[in-house]
Protein backbone atom coordinates (compact mmCIF):
# COMPACT_ATOMS: atom_id res chain seq x y z
CA UNK A 1 68.25 115.54 121.42
CA UNK A 2 69.79 112.73 123.45
CA UNK A 3 71.72 109.93 121.88
CA UNK A 4 71.95 106.45 123.33
CA UNK A 5 75.19 104.55 123.19
CA UNK A 6 75.03 100.85 122.64
CA UNK A 7 77.01 98.70 125.04
CA UNK A 8 80.23 97.31 123.68
CA UNK A 9 79.92 93.70 122.56
CA UNK A 10 81.35 91.17 124.91
CA UNK A 11 84.68 89.72 123.79
CA UNK A 12 84.47 86.24 122.33
CA UNK A 13 85.88 83.73 124.75
CA UNK A 14 88.12 81.20 123.05
CA UNK A 15 87.62 77.83 124.69
CA UNK A 16 90.40 75.22 124.73
CA UNK A 17 88.44 73.14 122.23
CA UNK A 18 88.08 76.09 119.82
CA UNK A 19 91.78 76.82 120.14
CA UNK A 20 92.63 73.17 119.50
CA UNK A 21 90.45 73.04 116.38
CA UNK A 22 91.86 76.32 115.12
CA UNK A 23 95.47 75.25 115.52
CA UNK A 24 94.76 71.76 114.16
CA UNK A 25 93.25 73.25 110.99
CA UNK A 26 96.42 75.27 110.38
CA UNK A 27 97.93 72.16 108.82
CA UNK A 28 96.35 71.23 105.46
CA UNK A 29 97.97 67.79 105.70
CA UNK A 30 96.35 67.09 109.05
CA UNK A 31 92.94 68.24 107.79
CA UNK A 32 93.39 66.08 104.71
CA UNK A 33 94.32 63.12 106.90
CA UNK A 34 91.22 63.67 109.03
CA UNK A 35 88.97 63.82 105.95
CA UNK A 36 90.54 60.70 104.45
CA UNK A 37 90.27 58.78 107.73
CA UNK A 38 86.63 59.86 108.13
CA UNK A 39 85.86 58.57 104.62
CA UNK A 40 87.66 55.29 105.36
CA UNK A 41 85.75 54.87 108.62
CA UNK A 42 82.40 55.54 106.91
CA UNK A 43 83.22 53.08 104.13
CA UNK A 44 84.12 50.44 106.72
CA UNK A 45 80.97 51.02 108.76
CA UNK A 46 78.59 50.96 105.79
CA UNK A 47 80.42 48.26 103.81
CA UNK A 48 77.49 45.78 103.91
CA UNK A 49 75.26 48.37 102.22
CA UNK A 50 77.62 50.04 99.73
CA UNK A 51 79.94 47.19 98.71
CA UNK A 52 79.15 45.82 95.21
CA UNK A 53 79.29 42.26 96.54
CA UNK A 54 79.45 40.35 99.79
CA UNK A 55 82.83 38.76 99.06
CA UNK A 56 82.33 36.03 101.66
CA UNK A 57 78.86 34.87 100.65
CA UNK A 58 79.48 31.57 98.86
CA UNK A 59 76.13 31.82 97.08
CA UNK A 60 77.25 34.82 94.98
CA UNK A 61 80.81 33.69 94.22
CA UNK A 62 81.86 32.03 90.98
CA UNK A 63 85.27 30.37 90.75
CA UNK A 64 85.27 31.13 87.02
CA UNK A 65 85.61 34.83 87.93
CA UNK A 66 88.91 34.16 89.69
CA UNK A 67 91.89 36.46 89.04
CA UNK A 68 90.03 38.77 86.67
CA UNK A 69 91.85 42.00 85.77
CA UNK A 70 90.63 45.39 87.05
CA UNK A 71 87.71 46.66 84.99
CA UNK A 72 86.53 43.22 83.89
CA UNK A 73 82.85 42.28 83.87
CA UNK A 74 82.12 39.15 85.87
CA UNK A 75 79.48 36.50 85.55
CA UNK A 76 77.17 38.45 87.85
CA UNK A 77 76.93 41.21 85.26
CA UNK A 78 78.73 43.98 87.16
CA UNK A 79 82.20 45.40 86.74
CA UNK A 80 85.03 44.41 89.06
CA UNK A 81 86.79 47.78 89.15
CA UNK A 82 89.77 46.45 91.13
CA UNK A 83 89.66 42.92 89.75
CA UNK A 84 89.04 39.70 91.65
CA UNK A 85 91.15 37.35 93.74
CA UNK A 86 91.80 33.66 93.14
CA UNK A 87 88.36 32.71 94.56
CA UNK A 88 86.42 35.14 92.36
CA UNK A 89 85.82 37.66 95.14
CA UNK A 90 85.50 41.31 94.15
CA UNK A 91 88.61 43.13 95.41
CA UNK A 92 86.84 46.45 95.98
CA UNK A 93 84.28 44.71 98.18
CA UNK A 94 87.02 42.75 99.92
CA UNK A 95 88.87 45.94 100.80
CA UNK A 96 85.71 47.53 102.19
CA UNK A 97 85.06 44.52 104.40
CA UNK A 98 88.75 44.20 105.27
CA UNK A 99 88.83 47.79 106.51
CA UNK A 100 86.14 46.90 109.05
CA UNK A 101 88.29 44.20 110.64
CA UNK A 102 91.49 46.27 110.53
CA UNK A 103 89.86 49.31 112.15
CA UNK A 104 87.98 47.19 114.68
CA UNK A 105 91.15 45.43 115.81
CA UNK A 106 93.30 48.57 115.71
CA UNK A 107 90.93 50.94 117.50
CA UNK A 108 89.64 48.29 119.92
CA UNK A 109 93.08 47.10 121.02
CA UNK A 110 94.40 50.68 121.33
CA UNK A 111 91.41 51.69 123.47
CA UNK A 112 91.73 48.73 125.86
CA UNK A 113 95.51 49.11 126.07
CA UNK A 114 95.02 52.80 126.84
CA UNK A 115 92.65 52.01 129.72
CA UNK A 116 95.02 49.43 131.21
CA UNK A 117 98.23 51.38 130.67
CA UNK A 118 96.84 54.75 131.79
CA UNK A 119 95.41 53.24 135.00
CA UNK A 120 98.71 51.55 135.89
CA UNK A 121 100.71 54.67 134.98
CA UNK A 122 98.54 56.84 137.24
CA UNK A 123 98.81 54.34 140.07
CA UNK A 124 102.59 54.14 139.75
CA UNK A 125 103.02 57.93 139.80
CA UNK A 126 100.58 58.47 142.68
CA UNK A 127 101.62 55.61 144.94
CA UNK A 128 105.37 55.78 144.32
CA UNK A 129 107.74 53.58 146.30
CA UNK A 130 107.53 49.85 145.79
CA UNK A 131 104.35 50.03 143.72
CA UNK A 132 105.99 52.40 141.25
CA UNK A 133 109.13 50.27 141.14
CA UNK A 134 107.26 47.02 140.43
CA UNK A 135 105.03 48.52 137.72
CA UNK A 136 107.90 50.25 135.94
CA UNK A 137 110.12 47.14 136.04
CA UNK A 138 107.31 45.24 134.32
CA UNK A 139 107.06 48.07 131.78
CA UNK A 140 110.80 47.96 131.16
CA UNK A 141 110.65 44.19 130.72
CA UNK A 142 107.74 44.53 128.29
CA UNK A 143 109.46 47.19 126.22
CA UNK A 144 112.70 45.20 126.03
CA UNK A 145 111.04 42.55 123.84
CA UNK A 146 110.55 43.20 120.10
CA UNK A 147 106.86 43.95 119.68
CA UNK A 148 106.21 41.71 116.70
CA UNK A 149 108.09 38.80 118.31
CA UNK A 150 106.10 39.10 121.52
CA UNK A 151 102.81 39.25 119.58
CA UNK A 152 103.79 36.19 117.53
CA UNK A 153 104.59 34.22 120.69
CA UNK A 154 101.26 35.16 122.28
CA UNK A 155 99.24 34.24 119.19
CA UNK A 156 101.15 30.99 118.79
CA UNK A 157 99.79 30.11 122.23
CA UNK A 158 96.27 31.58 121.87
CA UNK A 159 95.63 30.72 118.21
CA UNK A 160 93.89 32.68 115.48
CA UNK A 161 90.86 34.89 116.00
CA UNK A 162 89.92 38.55 116.22
CA UNK A 163 89.54 38.41 120.00
CA UNK A 164 92.92 36.72 120.39
CA UNK A 165 94.60 39.32 118.16
CA UNK A 166 93.11 42.10 120.29
CA UNK A 167 94.42 40.41 123.45
CA UNK A 168 97.90 40.05 121.94
CA UNK A 169 98.01 43.69 120.84
CA UNK A 170 96.81 44.91 124.24
CA UNK A 171 99.58 42.94 125.96
CA UNK A 172 102.29 44.38 123.72
CA UNK A 173 100.93 47.97 123.72
CA UNK A 174 99.84 48.82 127.25
CA UNK A 175 103.39 49.62 128.42
CA UNK A 176 103.66 52.62 126.06
CA UNK A 177 100.61 54.22 127.66
CA UNK A 178 101.79 53.41 131.19
CA UNK A 179 105.18 55.06 130.70
CA UNK A 180 103.67 58.14 129.01
CA UNK A 181 101.02 58.69 131.67
CA UNK A 182 103.44 58.08 134.54
CA UNK A 183 105.82 60.72 133.20
CA UNK A 184 103.06 63.32 133.02
CA UNK A 185 101.47 62.29 136.32
CA UNK A 186 104.76 62.59 138.22
CA UNK A 187 104.85 66.29 137.35
CA UNK A 188 101.22 66.81 138.39
CA UNK A 189 101.66 64.74 141.54
CA UNK A 190 103.82 67.47 143.11
CA UNK A 191 101.35 70.29 142.45
CA UNK A 192 99.32 72.01 145.15
CA UNK A 193 95.88 70.83 144.02
CA UNK A 194 96.90 67.19 144.42
CA UNK A 195 98.32 67.90 147.89
CA UNK A 196 95.09 69.66 148.78
CA UNK A 197 93.03 66.70 147.57
CA UNK A 198 95.13 64.35 149.70
CA UNK A 199 94.74 66.61 152.75
CA UNK A 200 90.96 66.57 152.23
CA UNK A 201 91.11 62.75 152.34
CA UNK A 202 89.46 62.36 148.95
CA UNK A 203 89.18 58.77 147.68
CA UNK A 204 92.22 57.59 145.74
CA UNK A 205 90.09 56.71 142.71
CA UNK A 206 88.71 60.25 142.61
CA UNK A 207 92.18 61.80 142.84
CA UNK A 208 93.51 59.57 140.08
CA UNK A 209 90.71 59.90 137.55
CA UNK A 210 89.15 63.28 138.41
CA UNK A 211 92.31 65.28 139.08
CA UNK A 212 95.41 63.54 137.73
CA UNK A 213 94.07 61.97 134.54
CA UNK A 214 92.55 65.13 132.93
CA UNK A 215 95.94 66.86 133.15
CA UNK A 216 97.65 63.87 131.50
CA UNK A 217 95.29 63.73 128.51
CA UNK A 218 97.31 65.77 125.95
CA UNK A 219 100.25 63.33 125.69
CA UNK A 220 97.86 60.40 126.08
CA UNK A 221 95.79 61.53 123.08
CA UNK A 222 98.90 61.84 120.93
CA UNK A 223 100.23 58.41 121.93
CA UNK A 224 96.79 56.87 121.46
CA UNK A 225 96.48 58.23 117.92
CA UNK A 226 99.91 56.93 116.94
CA UNK A 227 99.24 53.56 118.58
CA UNK A 228 96.06 53.06 116.55
CA UNK A 229 98.10 53.26 113.35
CA UNK A 230 100.73 51.00 114.89
CA UNK A 231 98.11 48.46 115.96
CA UNK A 232 96.61 48.36 112.45
CA UNK A 233 100.07 47.78 110.98
CA UNK A 234 100.86 45.06 113.55
CA UNK A 235 97.58 43.27 112.90
CA UNK A 236 98.25 43.37 109.16
CA UNK A 237 101.72 41.91 109.73
CA UNK A 238 100.39 39.13 111.96
CA UNK A 239 97.64 38.26 109.47
CA UNK A 240 100.13 38.30 106.61
CA UNK A 241 102.26 35.79 108.55
CA UNK A 242 99.22 33.56 109.08
CA UNK A 243 98.72 34.11 112.83
CA UNK A 244 96.15 36.90 112.76
CA UNK A 245 92.47 36.91 111.90
CA UNK A 246 90.85 33.79 110.37
CA UNK A 247 90.28 33.51 106.62
CA UNK A 248 86.51 33.79 107.13
CA UNK A 249 86.93 37.35 108.51
CA UNK A 250 89.91 38.72 106.59
CA UNK A 251 91.58 42.04 107.24
CA UNK A 252 93.75 44.03 104.85
CA UNK A 253 96.80 42.06 105.92
CA UNK A 254 95.20 38.76 105.01
CA UNK A 255 94.03 40.15 101.68
CA UNK A 256 97.64 41.11 100.92
CA UNK A 257 98.81 37.63 101.89
CA UNK A 258 96.20 35.99 99.62
CA UNK A 259 97.72 37.59 96.53
CA UNK A 260 101.38 37.29 97.45
CA UNK A 261 101.94 34.05 95.55
CA UNK A 262 100.44 35.56 92.38
CA UNK A 263 102.66 38.66 92.31
CA UNK A 264 105.32 37.08 90.11
CA UNK A 265 102.70 35.83 87.64
CA UNK A 266 101.47 39.37 86.94
CA UNK A 267 98.32 39.27 89.11
CA UNK A 268 99.54 42.27 91.07
CA UNK A 269 96.12 43.71 91.93
CA UNK A 270 95.26 41.00 94.46
CA UNK A 271 97.91 42.33 96.88
CA UNK A 272 98.53 45.80 95.49
CA UNK A 273 95.17 47.47 96.14
CA UNK A 274 94.74 46.17 99.73
CA UNK A 275 98.31 47.34 100.36
CA UNK A 276 97.46 50.80 99.06
CA UNK A 277 94.35 50.93 101.28
CA UNK A 278 96.46 49.92 104.30
CA UNK A 279 99.09 52.53 103.47
CA UNK A 280 96.55 55.34 103.06
CA UNK A 281 94.87 54.45 106.36
CA UNK A 282 98.10 54.46 108.35
CA UNK A 283 99.40 57.66 106.72
CA UNK A 284 96.11 59.48 107.39
CA UNK A 285 96.20 58.54 111.09
CA UNK A 286 99.86 59.51 111.41
CA UNK A 287 99.24 62.91 109.81
CA UNK A 288 96.52 63.60 112.37
CA UNK A 289 98.68 62.40 115.24
CA UNK A 290 101.64 64.48 114.14
CA UNK A 291 99.59 67.69 114.13
CA UNK A 292 97.97 66.80 117.46
CA UNK A 293 101.43 66.45 118.95
CA UNK A 294 102.38 69.93 117.72
CA UNK A 295 99.15 71.50 118.98
CA UNK A 296 99.11 69.83 122.40
CA UNK A 297 102.84 70.31 122.98
CA UNK A 298 103.90 73.65 121.40
CA UNK A 299 107.55 73.01 122.32
CA UNK A 300 107.63 70.29 119.64
CA UNK A 301 106.05 72.49 116.98
CA UNK A 302 108.14 72.75 113.84
């Protein structure tokens, strides 16, 4: 009686993405940060549908509901779980809408700054010589200025507005990406595959973005994650100082500023809860970025 032997199962191939996810999930703090940030992003996206009130619709606001304590029932018949501000706007709804502006400005400015900085960093590393010297001297000049001071000067010239805030943040952030990408690209520039691409007379754009850039992504992802949190904090600071987004489209920073003058009178919730939302958002992003740094650069792993 003959017996048949089954072929041995093929070994499971671990892709770089699977390995990244596996190592990222080793940190409960990073996973928690990812979950919290995902919830915050969903709340911001669906704020018009899940917020108890449109806090900037004048038809539903009542000045008599101003500065109500958390848990009070307003004239509209529903409970203000986080209280109201001086204009009678529901604080919970204000935070949901404020998260939309903060994330839009933070993620948008970080993305544009990444495109500009990464392109210039790749060009500087690939071209070398005078091109590299000029770009890096501009980077050094940019980084020598205090970030918040430079942003304040730019917004003092441009004026308030979401678009102007994004422009200001891109101008003060692009140098971080340029320096990071240039450092990684200089190492890759000396490798054989780049020399082979040059010998084959491939277009410069193809060499930069098809060959150099993919090998510079790990540090770029880490810097980009950290810069999103930094951009959100900068925007909140600028709005708190009165040079950020307009009052008709407030972010978390402007919500904090609205309640600052009432802190000493005991109306703490007007600034406190937006501040907590801002803190949780930044901490969640930083926890993810910290674990990404450890996964993508094992030499830095604790």
